[in-house]
N, C-alpha and C. Protein backbone atom coordinates (compact mmCIF):
# COMPACT_ATOMS: atom_id res chain seq x y z
N MET A 1 67.43 33.36 -25.83
CA MET A 1 67.01 34.73 -26.03
C MET A 1 65.49 34.76 -26.22
N LYS A 2 64.82 35.43 -25.30
CA LYS A 2 63.36 35.50 -25.34
C LYS A 2 62.92 36.78 -26.05
N LEU A 3 62.13 36.59 -27.11
CA LEU A 3 61.67 37.75 -27.88
C LEU A 3 60.15 37.76 -28.04
N THR A 4 59.47 37.23 -27.03
CA THR A 4 58.01 37.10 -27.12
C THR A 4 57.31 38.45 -27.18
N ALA A 5 57.78 39.40 -26.38
CA ALA A 5 57.16 40.74 -26.37
C ALA A 5 57.33 41.40 -27.74
N GLN A 6 58.56 41.30 -28.27
CA GLN A 6 58.83 41.89 -29.58
C GLN A 6 57.97 41.23 -30.67
N LYS A 7 57.82 39.92 -30.54
CA LYS A 7 57.03 39.16 -31.51
C LYS A 7 55.57 39.59 -31.46
N THR A 8 55.04 39.77 -30.26
CA THR A 8 53.64 40.17 -30.07
C THR A 8 53.39 41.55 -30.66
N ILE A 9 54.26 42.50 -30.32
CA ILE A 9 54.10 43.88 -30.81
C ILE A 9 54.26 43.92 -32.34
N SER A 10 55.25 43.17 -32.84
CA SER A 10 55.48 43.12 -34.29
C SER A 10 54.26 42.55 -35.01
N ALA A 11 53.66 41.53 -34.41
CA ALA A 11 52.47 40.92 -35.01
C ALA A 11 51.34 41.94 -35.12
N LYS A 12 51.18 42.75 -34.07
CA LYS A 12 50.14 43.78 -34.11
C LYS A 12 50.44 44.83 -35.17
N LEU A 13 51.72 45.22 -35.28
CA LEU A 13 52.12 46.22 -36.29
C LEU A 13 51.97 45.68 -37.71
N LEU A 14 52.32 44.41 -37.90
CA LEU A 14 52.21 43.79 -39.23
C LEU A 14 50.79 43.32 -39.55
N ASN A 15 49.93 43.41 -38.53
CA ASN A 15 48.53 42.99 -38.67
C ASN A 15 48.42 41.52 -39.09
N CYS A 16 49.13 40.67 -38.36
CA CYS A 16 49.09 39.23 -38.61
C CYS A 16 49.26 38.49 -37.29
N SER A 17 49.30 37.16 -37.35
CA SER A 17 49.46 36.39 -36.12
C SER A 17 50.94 36.27 -35.76
N LYS A 18 51.19 35.86 -34.51
CA LYS A 18 52.57 35.71 -34.03
C LYS A 18 53.32 34.63 -34.81
N LYS A 19 52.58 33.63 -35.28
CA LYS A 19 53.19 32.53 -36.04
C LYS A 19 53.85 33.03 -37.31
N ARG A 20 53.28 34.08 -37.92
CA ARG A 20 53.77 34.55 -39.21
C ARG A 20 54.93 35.54 -39.11
N VAL A 21 55.26 35.99 -37.91
CA VAL A 21 56.35 36.97 -37.74
C VAL A 21 57.70 36.25 -37.84
N ILE A 22 58.60 36.80 -38.69
CA ILE A 22 59.93 36.22 -38.87
C ILE A 22 60.98 37.28 -38.52
N PHE A 23 61.93 36.89 -37.68
CA PHE A 23 63.05 37.77 -37.33
C PHE A 23 64.26 37.39 -38.15
N ASP A 24 65.02 38.41 -38.58
CA ASP A 24 66.28 38.18 -39.30
C ASP A 24 67.30 37.68 -38.28
N ILE A 25 67.88 36.50 -38.53
CA ILE A 25 68.77 35.85 -37.56
C ILE A 25 70.02 36.69 -37.28
N GLU A 26 70.56 37.38 -38.30
CA GLU A 26 71.76 38.18 -38.09
C GLU A 26 71.51 39.44 -37.26
N ARG A 27 70.26 39.86 -37.15
CA ARG A 27 69.96 41.11 -36.44
C ARG A 27 69.17 40.89 -35.16
N LEU A 28 69.31 39.72 -34.57
CA LEU A 28 68.57 39.39 -33.35
C LEU A 28 68.93 40.31 -32.17
N ASP A 29 70.19 40.74 -32.11
CA ASP A 29 70.61 41.63 -31.01
C ASP A 29 69.86 42.96 -31.09
N GLU A 30 69.74 43.49 -32.31
CA GLU A 30 69.00 44.75 -32.50
C GLU A 30 67.54 44.59 -32.09
N ILE A 31 66.97 43.47 -32.49
CA ILE A 31 65.56 43.20 -32.19
C ILE A 31 65.35 43.07 -30.68
N LYS A 32 66.32 42.46 -29.99
CA LYS A 32 66.22 42.28 -28.55
C LYS A 32 66.21 43.63 -27.83
N GLU A 33 67.00 44.56 -28.34
CA GLU A 33 67.09 45.89 -27.72
C GLU A 33 65.85 46.74 -28.01
N ALA A 34 65.16 46.45 -29.09
CA ALA A 34 63.96 47.22 -29.45
C ALA A 34 62.83 46.87 -28.51
N ILE A 35 62.37 47.89 -27.76
CA ILE A 35 61.29 47.61 -26.80
C ILE A 35 60.04 48.46 -27.05
N THR A 36 60.19 49.49 -27.87
CA THR A 36 59.01 50.32 -28.16
C THR A 36 58.47 50.00 -29.54
N LYS A 37 57.25 50.46 -29.76
CA LYS A 37 56.61 50.25 -31.07
C LYS A 37 57.40 50.97 -32.17
N ALA A 38 57.88 52.15 -31.84
CA ALA A 38 58.64 52.95 -32.81
C ALA A 38 59.89 52.21 -33.26
N ASP A 39 60.61 51.59 -32.28
CA ASP A 39 61.81 50.82 -32.61
C ASP A 39 61.47 49.66 -33.55
N LEU A 40 60.42 48.97 -33.21
CA LEU A 40 60.01 47.81 -34.02
C LEU A 40 59.53 48.24 -35.42
N ARG A 41 58.88 49.42 -35.48
CA ARG A 41 58.45 49.94 -36.78
C ARG A 41 59.64 50.17 -37.69
N SER A 42 60.69 50.76 -37.11
CA SER A 42 61.89 51.02 -37.92
C SER A 42 62.55 49.72 -38.38
N LEU A 43 62.53 48.70 -37.52
CA LEU A 43 63.10 47.39 -37.89
C LEU A 43 62.27 46.72 -38.99
N ILE A 44 60.96 46.93 -38.93
CA ILE A 44 60.09 46.39 -39.98
C ILE A 44 60.40 47.09 -41.30
N LYS A 45 60.63 48.39 -41.21
CA LYS A 45 60.97 49.18 -42.41
C LYS A 45 62.29 48.72 -43.01
N ASP A 46 63.25 48.36 -42.12
CA ASP A 46 64.58 47.90 -42.57
C ASP A 46 64.57 46.42 -42.96
N LYS A 47 63.43 45.77 -42.92
CA LYS A 47 63.27 44.35 -43.28
C LYS A 47 63.98 43.40 -42.32
N ALA A 48 64.20 43.82 -41.09
CA ALA A 48 64.76 42.93 -40.07
C ALA A 48 63.64 42.05 -39.53
N ILE A 49 62.44 42.59 -39.54
CA ILE A 49 61.26 41.83 -39.12
C ILE A 49 60.30 41.80 -40.32
N THR A 50 59.89 40.60 -40.68
CA THR A 50 58.96 40.44 -41.81
C THR A 50 57.84 39.47 -41.43
N ALA A 51 56.83 39.40 -42.29
CA ALA A 51 55.73 38.46 -42.08
C ALA A 51 55.76 37.42 -43.19
N LYS A 52 55.54 36.19 -42.80
CA LYS A 52 55.45 35.11 -43.80
C LYS A 52 54.25 35.38 -44.68
N PRO A 53 54.33 35.03 -45.98
CA PRO A 53 53.15 35.22 -46.84
C PRO A 53 52.00 34.32 -46.41
N VAL A 54 50.80 34.78 -46.66
CA VAL A 54 49.61 34.02 -46.27
C VAL A 54 49.54 32.77 -47.14
N GLN A 55 49.30 31.63 -46.48
CA GLN A 55 49.19 30.36 -47.20
C GLN A 55 47.81 30.27 -47.83
N GLY A 56 47.77 30.20 -49.16
CA GLY A 56 46.49 30.09 -49.86
C GLY A 56 46.08 28.64 -50.02
N ILE A 57 44.87 28.43 -50.48
CA ILE A 57 44.38 27.08 -50.74
C ILE A 57 44.28 26.92 -52.25
N SER A 58 44.90 25.90 -52.77
CA SER A 58 44.94 25.68 -54.21
C SER A 58 43.56 25.37 -54.76
N ARG A 59 43.22 26.02 -55.87
CA ARG A 59 41.94 25.79 -56.51
C ARG A 59 42.07 24.83 -57.70
N PHE A 60 43.24 24.25 -57.89
CA PHE A 60 43.49 23.39 -59.04
C PHE A 60 42.48 22.26 -59.16
N ARG A 61 42.32 21.50 -58.07
CA ARG A 61 41.42 20.35 -58.11
C ARG A 61 39.97 20.78 -58.31
N ALA A 62 39.60 21.90 -57.66
CA ALA A 62 38.23 22.40 -57.78
C ALA A 62 37.93 22.81 -59.22
N LYS A 63 38.90 23.49 -59.85
CA LYS A 63 38.72 23.93 -61.24
C LYS A 63 38.61 22.73 -62.18
N LYS A 64 39.47 21.73 -61.94
CA LYS A 64 39.48 20.52 -62.75
C LYS A 64 38.12 19.82 -62.67
N ARG A 65 37.59 19.73 -61.45
CA ARG A 65 36.29 19.10 -61.22
C ARG A 65 35.17 19.89 -61.90
N GLN A 66 35.26 21.22 -61.85
CA GLN A 66 34.25 22.08 -62.46
C GLN A 66 34.23 21.92 -63.98
N ILE A 67 35.41 21.78 -64.57
CA ILE A 67 35.51 21.56 -66.02
C ILE A 67 34.79 20.27 -66.39
N GLN A 68 35.02 19.21 -65.59
CA GLN A 68 34.35 17.92 -65.84
C GLN A 68 32.83 18.06 -65.70
N LYS A 69 32.39 18.82 -64.69
CA LYS A 69 30.96 19.01 -64.48
C LYS A 69 30.33 19.78 -65.63
N ASN A 70 31.08 20.75 -66.18
CA ASN A 70 30.58 21.50 -67.33
C ASN A 70 30.38 20.59 -68.54
N LYS A 71 31.18 19.53 -68.61
CA LYS A 71 31.05 18.55 -69.69
C LYS A 71 29.87 17.61 -69.43
N GLY A 72 29.31 17.69 -68.20
CA GLY A 72 28.18 16.84 -67.85
C GLY A 72 28.59 15.58 -67.11
N LYS A 73 29.86 15.53 -66.69
CA LYS A 73 30.34 14.36 -65.95
C LYS A 73 30.28 14.64 -64.45
N GLN A 74 30.48 13.58 -63.67
CA GLN A 74 30.51 13.67 -62.20
C GLN A 74 29.23 14.29 -61.63
N LYS A 75 28.11 13.99 -62.28
CA LYS A 75 26.85 14.54 -61.82
C LYS A 75 25.86 13.43 -61.47
N GLY A 76 26.40 12.24 -61.23
CA GLY A 76 25.55 11.08 -60.97
C GLY A 76 24.85 11.14 -59.63
N GLN A 77 24.13 10.08 -59.32
CA GLN A 77 23.32 10.01 -58.11
C GLN A 77 24.16 10.21 -56.85
N GLY A 78 25.37 9.67 -56.84
CA GLY A 78 26.21 9.76 -55.65
C GLY A 78 26.78 11.14 -55.39
N SER A 79 26.81 11.99 -56.42
CA SER A 79 27.37 13.34 -56.28
C SER A 79 26.32 14.37 -55.91
N ARG A 80 25.06 13.98 -55.91
CA ARG A 80 23.99 14.95 -55.68
C ARG A 80 23.68 15.12 -54.21
N LYS A 81 23.49 16.37 -53.84
CA LYS A 81 23.04 16.66 -52.47
C LYS A 81 21.75 17.45 -52.60
N GLY A 82 20.82 17.21 -51.72
CA GLY A 82 19.54 17.90 -51.78
C GLY A 82 18.55 17.13 -52.62
N LYS A 83 17.29 17.51 -52.48
CA LYS A 83 16.22 16.84 -53.21
C LYS A 83 16.26 17.20 -54.69
N LYS A 84 15.50 16.46 -55.47
CA LYS A 84 15.40 16.72 -56.90
C LYS A 84 14.86 18.13 -57.13
N THR A 85 13.92 18.52 -56.28
CA THR A 85 13.30 19.84 -56.43
C THR A 85 14.23 20.97 -55.99
N ALA A 86 15.26 20.64 -55.23
CA ALA A 86 16.22 21.66 -54.82
C ALA A 86 17.16 21.98 -55.98
N ARG A 87 17.44 20.99 -56.80
CA ARG A 87 18.33 21.17 -57.95
C ARG A 87 17.62 21.86 -59.11
N LEU A 88 16.35 21.52 -59.30
CA LEU A 88 15.51 22.17 -60.31
C LEU A 88 14.11 22.29 -59.71
N PRO A 89 13.66 23.51 -59.41
CA PRO A 89 12.38 23.69 -58.71
C PRO A 89 11.19 23.12 -59.49
N LYS A 90 10.16 22.74 -58.74
CA LYS A 90 8.95 22.16 -59.33
C LYS A 90 8.35 23.08 -60.38
N LYS A 91 8.36 24.36 -60.07
CA LYS A 91 7.76 25.34 -60.99
C LYS A 91 8.51 25.37 -62.32
N LYS A 92 9.83 25.33 -62.24
CA LYS A 92 10.66 25.37 -63.45
C LYS A 92 10.39 24.12 -64.30
N ILE A 93 10.29 22.96 -63.65
CA ILE A 93 9.99 21.70 -64.34
C ILE A 93 8.64 21.82 -65.05
N TRP A 94 7.65 22.34 -64.32
CA TRP A 94 6.30 22.51 -64.87
C TRP A 94 6.33 23.46 -66.07
N MET A 95 7.03 24.58 -65.92
CA MET A 95 7.11 25.57 -67.00
C MET A 95 7.70 24.96 -68.27
N ASN A 96 8.79 24.22 -68.12
CA ASN A 96 9.43 23.58 -69.27
C ASN A 96 8.48 22.60 -69.95
N LYS A 97 7.78 21.81 -69.13
CA LYS A 97 6.89 20.77 -69.64
C LYS A 97 5.69 21.39 -70.36
N ILE A 98 5.04 22.37 -69.73
CA ILE A 98 3.82 22.95 -70.30
C ILE A 98 4.11 23.75 -71.57
N ARG A 99 5.27 24.43 -71.59
CA ARG A 99 5.65 25.19 -72.78
C ARG A 99 5.86 24.26 -73.98
N LEU A 100 6.53 23.14 -73.70
CA LEU A 100 6.77 22.15 -74.76
C LEU A 100 5.45 21.61 -75.29
N GLN A 101 4.53 21.27 -74.38
CA GLN A 101 3.24 20.70 -74.78
C GLN A 101 2.41 21.70 -75.58
N ARG A 102 2.39 22.95 -75.11
CA ARG A 102 1.60 23.98 -75.80
C ARG A 102 2.16 24.25 -77.19
N LYS A 103 3.48 24.26 -77.30
CA LYS A 103 4.13 24.49 -78.59
C LYS A 103 3.75 23.36 -79.56
N PHE A 104 3.79 22.13 -79.05
CA PHE A 104 3.46 20.96 -79.86
C PHE A 104 2.00 21.01 -80.32
N LEU A 105 1.09 21.36 -79.39
CA LEU A 105 -0.33 21.44 -79.73
C LEU A 105 -0.58 22.51 -80.79
N LYS A 106 0.11 23.63 -80.69
CA LYS A 106 -0.01 24.71 -81.67
C LYS A 106 0.47 24.24 -83.04
N GLU A 107 1.56 23.51 -83.05
CA GLU A 107 2.11 22.99 -84.31
C GLU A 107 1.10 22.08 -85.01
N ILE A 108 0.54 21.11 -84.26
CA ILE A 108 -0.39 20.17 -84.90
C ILE A 108 -1.70 20.84 -85.30
N LYS A 109 -2.07 21.92 -84.59
CA LYS A 109 -3.27 22.67 -84.97
C LYS A 109 -2.99 23.43 -86.28
N ASP A 110 -1.80 24.02 -86.37
CA ASP A 110 -1.42 24.76 -87.59
C ASP A 110 -1.29 23.84 -88.80
N LYS A 111 -0.89 22.59 -88.56
CA LYS A 111 -0.77 21.61 -89.65
C LYS A 111 -2.12 21.02 -90.02
N LYS A 112 -3.18 21.44 -89.32
CA LYS A 112 -4.55 20.98 -89.54
C LYS A 112 -4.73 19.49 -89.22
N VAL A 113 -3.92 18.99 -88.29
CA VAL A 113 -4.07 17.61 -87.85
C VAL A 113 -5.29 17.52 -86.92
N ILE A 114 -5.46 18.57 -86.11
CA ILE A 114 -6.63 18.63 -85.22
C ILE A 114 -7.37 19.94 -85.47
N GLU A 115 -8.67 19.95 -85.21
CA GLU A 115 -9.45 21.18 -85.39
C GLU A 115 -9.49 21.95 -84.06
N GLY A 116 -10.08 23.12 -84.11
CA GLY A 116 -10.10 24.04 -82.97
C GLY A 116 -10.66 23.48 -81.68
N LYS A 117 -11.78 22.74 -81.80
CA LYS A 117 -12.44 22.21 -80.60
C LYS A 117 -11.55 21.18 -79.90
N THR A 118 -10.96 20.29 -80.67
CA THR A 118 -10.04 19.27 -80.12
C THR A 118 -8.82 19.94 -79.50
N TYR A 119 -8.33 20.96 -80.21
CA TYR A 119 -7.16 21.72 -79.72
C TYR A 119 -7.45 22.30 -78.34
N ARG A 120 -8.62 22.94 -78.19
CA ARG A 120 -9.03 23.54 -76.91
C ARG A 120 -9.09 22.47 -75.82
N ASP A 121 -9.69 21.34 -76.17
CA ASP A 121 -9.83 20.23 -75.21
C ASP A 121 -8.46 19.73 -74.75
N LEU A 122 -7.57 19.51 -75.73
CA LEU A 122 -6.23 19.01 -75.41
C LEU A 122 -5.43 20.03 -74.60
N ARG A 123 -5.63 21.30 -74.94
CA ARG A 123 -4.90 22.35 -74.23
C ARG A 123 -5.33 22.43 -72.77
N SER A 124 -6.64 22.31 -72.54
CA SER A 124 -7.12 22.35 -71.16
C SER A 124 -6.69 21.11 -70.38
N LYS A 125 -6.66 19.96 -71.07
CA LYS A 125 -6.16 18.73 -70.44
C LYS A 125 -4.70 18.91 -70.03
N SER A 126 -3.94 19.51 -70.94
CA SER A 126 -2.52 19.75 -70.70
C SER A 126 -2.33 20.70 -69.52
N LYS A 127 -3.20 21.72 -69.44
CA LYS A 127 -3.13 22.67 -68.34
C LYS A 127 -3.43 21.99 -67.00
N GLY A 128 -4.32 21.02 -67.05
CA GLY A 128 -4.68 20.28 -65.84
C GLY A 128 -3.67 19.23 -65.44
N GLY A 129 -2.61 19.08 -66.23
CA GLY A 129 -1.56 18.12 -65.90
C GLY A 129 -1.88 16.70 -66.32
N PHE A 130 -2.77 16.56 -67.27
CA PHE A 130 -3.19 15.24 -67.75
C PHE A 130 -2.06 14.53 -68.48
N PHE A 131 -1.30 15.28 -69.28
CA PHE A 131 -0.23 14.68 -70.08
C PHE A 131 1.11 14.77 -69.36
N ARG A 132 1.86 13.67 -69.43
CA ARG A 132 3.18 13.62 -68.80
C ARG A 132 4.22 14.31 -69.67
N SER A 133 4.03 14.17 -70.99
CA SER A 133 5.03 14.68 -71.93
C SER A 133 4.43 14.86 -73.31
N LYS A 134 5.24 15.30 -74.24
CA LYS A 134 4.83 15.47 -75.64
C LYS A 134 4.48 14.09 -76.22
N ARG A 135 5.28 13.10 -75.86
CA ARG A 135 5.07 11.73 -76.33
C ARG A 135 3.72 11.20 -75.87
N HIS A 136 3.34 11.57 -74.64
CA HIS A 136 2.06 11.14 -74.08
C HIS A 136 0.91 11.72 -74.90
N ILE A 137 1.06 12.96 -75.36
CA ILE A 137 0.02 13.58 -76.20
C ILE A 137 -0.12 12.81 -77.51
N LYS A 138 1.03 12.42 -78.10
CA LYS A 138 1.01 11.66 -79.36
C LYS A 138 0.28 10.33 -79.17
N ILE A 139 0.60 9.63 -78.09
CA ILE A 139 -0.05 8.35 -77.79
C ILE A 139 -1.55 8.55 -77.60
N PHE A 140 -1.93 9.59 -76.90
CA PHE A 140 -3.33 9.92 -76.64
C PHE A 140 -4.07 10.16 -77.96
N LEU A 141 -3.43 10.93 -78.85
CA LEU A 141 -4.04 11.22 -80.16
C LEU A 141 -4.22 9.94 -80.97
N ASP A 142 -3.23 9.05 -80.94
CA ASP A 142 -3.30 7.81 -81.71
C ASP A 142 -4.38 6.89 -81.18
N LYS A 143 -4.40 6.66 -79.87
CA LYS A 143 -5.32 5.66 -79.30
C LYS A 143 -6.75 6.21 -79.13
N ILE A 144 -6.89 7.27 -78.38
CA ILE A 144 -8.23 7.72 -78.00
C ILE A 144 -8.98 8.36 -79.19
N LEU A 145 -8.33 9.25 -79.87
CA LEU A 145 -9.03 9.98 -80.94
C LEU A 145 -8.88 9.30 -82.30
N GLY A 146 -8.02 8.29 -82.38
CA GLY A 146 -7.82 7.60 -83.65
C GLY A 146 -7.22 8.49 -84.69
N LYS A 147 -6.42 9.44 -84.24
CA LYS A 147 -5.79 10.39 -85.16
C LYS A 147 -4.30 10.08 -85.26
N ASN A 148 -3.73 10.41 -86.37
CA ASN A 148 -2.27 10.33 -86.52
C ASN A 148 -1.71 11.70 -86.23
N GLU A 149 -0.52 11.72 -85.72
CA GLU A 149 0.14 12.99 -85.34
C GLU A 149 0.14 13.98 -86.42
């Protein structure tokens, strides 16, 4: 029994592919006689013709992986795609670094460890990218200026 025409029309009416159209086995004779869209519509209404549910893709593994990543795991060198600057832009890195350095310089100035002129000098050095980190400023103060933090 060939029902390709009925399957094609039903697929268009159900708005799905021909693969997803299912005919009720007990009512195949009725379906064979149905040749118009109206006939097929009534059969769809009577549940003689149905569409298989859409097959979804499980998100279980993706969610599980995301939970691990939120914990800080599975983020090693082998899992990274893109350059270092793609993951955290150069500007953002600079902003974090300079804010930390300026905050530290303000703290030591407020504690009267350094005076205004030295503070200005260190701040401009920091702006010019002279210091790598807060630790570098501490080392610089200890060695070059002979000052303790």
